[in-house]
Amino acid sequence: MIYQLRWKTEPGLRGLSCSDFSAACTAAPDNDRGVAVEFAGDAERDAFLKRLEEVFGPQRFSNNAAAFETVKAYVLEWAARRSGE
């Protein structure tokens, strides 16, 4: 199934943070304004969302664009490595 990823970007004392990652099934993936990725099943999806929280929870960003592009690049690199296996 293909999922559209979402998350919150919120201000903090040291910069913007990303949290509350979620994935919603989609028939119309939108990689221009979001991040879409395919998962083999619920367990893979849940494990990946947990990993996103672990990786990006402690990071801080200077602006929304930097946060979005960093998360998007991470997801697309993960998907490319996974499809290359």
C-alpha atoms as a PDB file:
ATOM      1  CA  MET A   1       0.000   0.000   0.000  1.00  0.00           C
ATOM      2  CA  ILE A   2       1.078   3.549  -0.670  1.00  0.00           C
ATOM      3  CA  TYR A   3       0.934   5.989   2.228  1.00  0.00           C
ATOM      4  CA  GLN A   4       1.176   9.757   2.410  1.00  0.00           C
ATOM      5  CA  LEU A   5       3.353  10.745   5.349  1.00  0.00           C
ATOM      6  CA  ARG A   6       2.498  13.659   7.606  1.00  0.00           C
ATOM      7  CA  TRP A   7       4.107  15.247  10.629  1.00  0.00           C
ATOM      8  CA  LYS A   8       3.974  18.365  12.766  1.00  0.00           C
ATOM      9  CA  THR A   9       6.655  21.025  12.659  1.00  0.00           C
ATOM     10  CA  GLU A  10       6.577  23.101  15.814  1.00  0.00           C
ATOM     11  CA  PRO A  11       8.702  25.930  17.208  1.00  0.00           C
ATOM     12  CA  GLY A  12      10.923  25.390  20.206  1.00  0.00           C
ATOM     13  CA  LEU A  13      13.630  27.226  22.099  1.00  0.00           C
ATOM     14  CA  ARG A  14      16.411  25.889  19.864  1.00  0.00           C
ATOM     15  CA  GLY A  15      14.504  25.872  16.550  1.00  0.00           C
ATOM     16  CA  LEU A  16      11.771  23.926  14.811  1.00  0.00           C
ATOM     17  CA  SER A  17      11.155  20.293  15.646  1.00  0.00           C
ATOM     18  CA  CYS A  18       9.347  17.514  13.771  1.00  0.00           C
ATOM     19  CA  SER A  19       7.067  15.081  15.599  1.00  0.00           C
ATOM     20  CA  ASP A  20       3.789  13.173  15.458  1.00  0.00           C
ATOM     21  CA  PHE A  21       4.642  11.305  12.263  1.00  0.00           C
ATOM     22  CA  SER A  22       1.686   9.496  10.707  1.00  0.00           C
ATOM     23  CA  ALA A  23       0.827   7.705   7.475  1.00  0.00           C
ATOM     24  CA  ALA A  24      -2.490   7.694   5.631  1.00  0.00           C
ATOM     25  CA  CYS A  25      -3.355   5.359   2.753  1.00  0.00           C
ATOM     26  CA  THR A  26      -3.578   7.194  -0.548  1.00  0.00           C
ATOM     27  CA  ALA A  27      -4.561   6.426  -4.102  1.00  0.00           C
ATOM     28  CA  ALA A  28      -3.018   9.717  -5.284  1.00  0.00           C
ATOM     29  CA  PRO A  29       0.521  10.070  -3.888  1.00  0.00           C
ATOM     30  CA  ASP A  30       1.864  13.631  -3.823  1.00  0.00           C
ATOM     31  CA  ASN A  31       5.661  13.839  -3.661  1.00  0.00           C
ATOM     32  CA  ASP A  32       5.633  17.477  -4.794  1.00  0.00           C
ATOM     33  CA  ARG A  33       3.880  18.784  -1.681  1.00  0.00           C
ATOM     34  CA  GLY A  34       4.414  15.831   0.606  1.00  0.00           C
ATOM     35  CA  VAL A  35       6.098  12.488   0.949  1.00  0.00           C
ATOM     36  CA  ALA A  36       4.540   9.264  -0.290  1.00  0.00           C
ATOM     37  CA  VAL A  37       6.044   5.849   0.317  1.00  0.00           C
ATOM     38  CA  GLU A  38       5.025   2.230  -0.102  1.00  0.00           C
ATOM     39  CA  PHE A  39       5.102  -0.222   2.797  1.00  0.00           C
ATOM     40  CA  ALA A  40       4.847  -3.987   2.658  1.00  0.00           C
ATOM     41  CA  GLY A  41       2.481  -4.031   5.625  1.00  0.00           C
ATOM     42  CA  ASP A  42       1.396  -2.456   8.872  1.00  0.00           C
ATOM     43  CA  ALA A  43       4.427  -3.696  10.814  1.00  0.00           C
ATOM     44  CA  GLU A  44       6.874  -2.109   8.369  1.00  0.00           C
ATOM     45  CA  ARG A  45       4.886   1.144   8.372  1.00  0.00           C
ATOM     46  CA  ASP A  46       4.732   1.300  12.168  1.00  0.00           C
ATOM     47  CA  ALA A  47       8.444   0.521  12.536  1.00  0.00           C
ATOM     48  CA  PHE A  48       9.327   3.234  10.018  1.00  0.00           C
ATOM     49  CA  LEU A  49       7.164   5.847  11.745  1.00  0.00           C
ATOM     50  CA  LYS A  50       8.860   4.972  15.033  1.00  0.00           C
ATOM     51  CA  ARG A  51      12.249   5.351  13.345  1.00  0.00           C
ATOM     52  CA  LEU A  52      11.278   8.790  12.022  1.00  0.00           C
ATOM     53  CA  GLU A  53      10.386   9.888  15.564  1.00  0.00           C
ATOM     54  CA  GLU A  54      13.755   8.615  16.828  1.00  0.00           C
ATOM     55  CA  VAL A  55      15.770  10.282  14.072  1.00  0.00           C
ATOM     56  CA  PHE A  56      13.982  13.605  13.828  1.00  0.00           C
ATOM     57  CA  GLY A  57      12.662  14.111  17.367  1.00  0.00           C
ATOM     58  CA  PRO A  58      15.977  15.438  18.706  1.00  0.00           C
ATOM     59  CA  GLN A  59      16.881  17.451  15.587  1.00  0.00           C
ATOM     60  CA  ARG A  60      16.186  21.166  15.276  1.00  0.00           C
ATOM     61  CA  PHE A  61      15.756  23.140  12.071  1.00  0.00           C
ATOM     62  CA  SER A  62      16.071  26.816  11.241  1.00  0.00           C
ATOM     63  CA  ASN A  63      12.960  26.940   9.042  1.00  0.00           C
ATOM     64  CA  ASN A  64      10.039  24.900   7.711  1.00  0.00           C
ATOM     65  CA  ALA A  65      11.632  24.323   4.315  1.00  0.00           C
ATOM     66  CA  ALA A  66      14.777  22.841   5.858  1.00  0.00           C
ATOM     67  CA  ALA A  67      12.718  20.541   8.069  1.00  0.00           C
ATOM     68  CA  PHE A  68      10.500  19.393   5.207  1.00  0.00           C
ATOM     69  CA  GLU A  69      13.351  18.790   2.760  1.00  0.00           C
ATOM     70  CA  THR A  70      15.423  16.898   5.337  1.00  0.00           C
ATOM     71  CA  VAL A  71      12.575  14.548   6.242  1.00  0.00           C
ATOM     72  CA  LYS A  72      11.625  14.105   2.583  1.00  0.00           C
ATOM     73  CA  ALA A  73      15.207  13.264   1.594  1.00  0.00           C
ATOM     74  CA  TYR A  74      15.476  10.728   4.420  1.00  0.00           C
ATOM     75  CA  VAL A  75      12.241   8.991   3.393  1.00  0.00           C
ATOM     76  CA  LEU A  76      13.108   8.915  -0.315  1.00  0.00           C
ATOM     77  CA  GLU A  77      16.618   7.575   0.396  1.00  0.00           C
ATOM     78  CA  TRP A  78      15.119   4.858   2.609  1.00  0.00           C
ATOM     79  CA  ALA A  79      12.655   3.919  -0.121  1.00  0.00           C
ATOM     80  CA  ALA A  80      15.405   3.806  -2.761  1.00  0.00           C
ATOM     81  CA  ARG A  81      17.635   1.579  -0.593  1.00  0.00           C
ATOM     82  CA  ARG A  82      14.696  -0.690   0.158  1.00  0.00           C
ATOM     83  CA  SER A  83      13.725  -1.081  -3.497  1.00  0.00           C
ATOM     84  CA  GLY A  84      17.351  -1.804  -4.398  1.00  0.00           C
ATOM     85  CA  GLU A  85      17.564  -4.783  -2.038  1.00  0.00           C
END
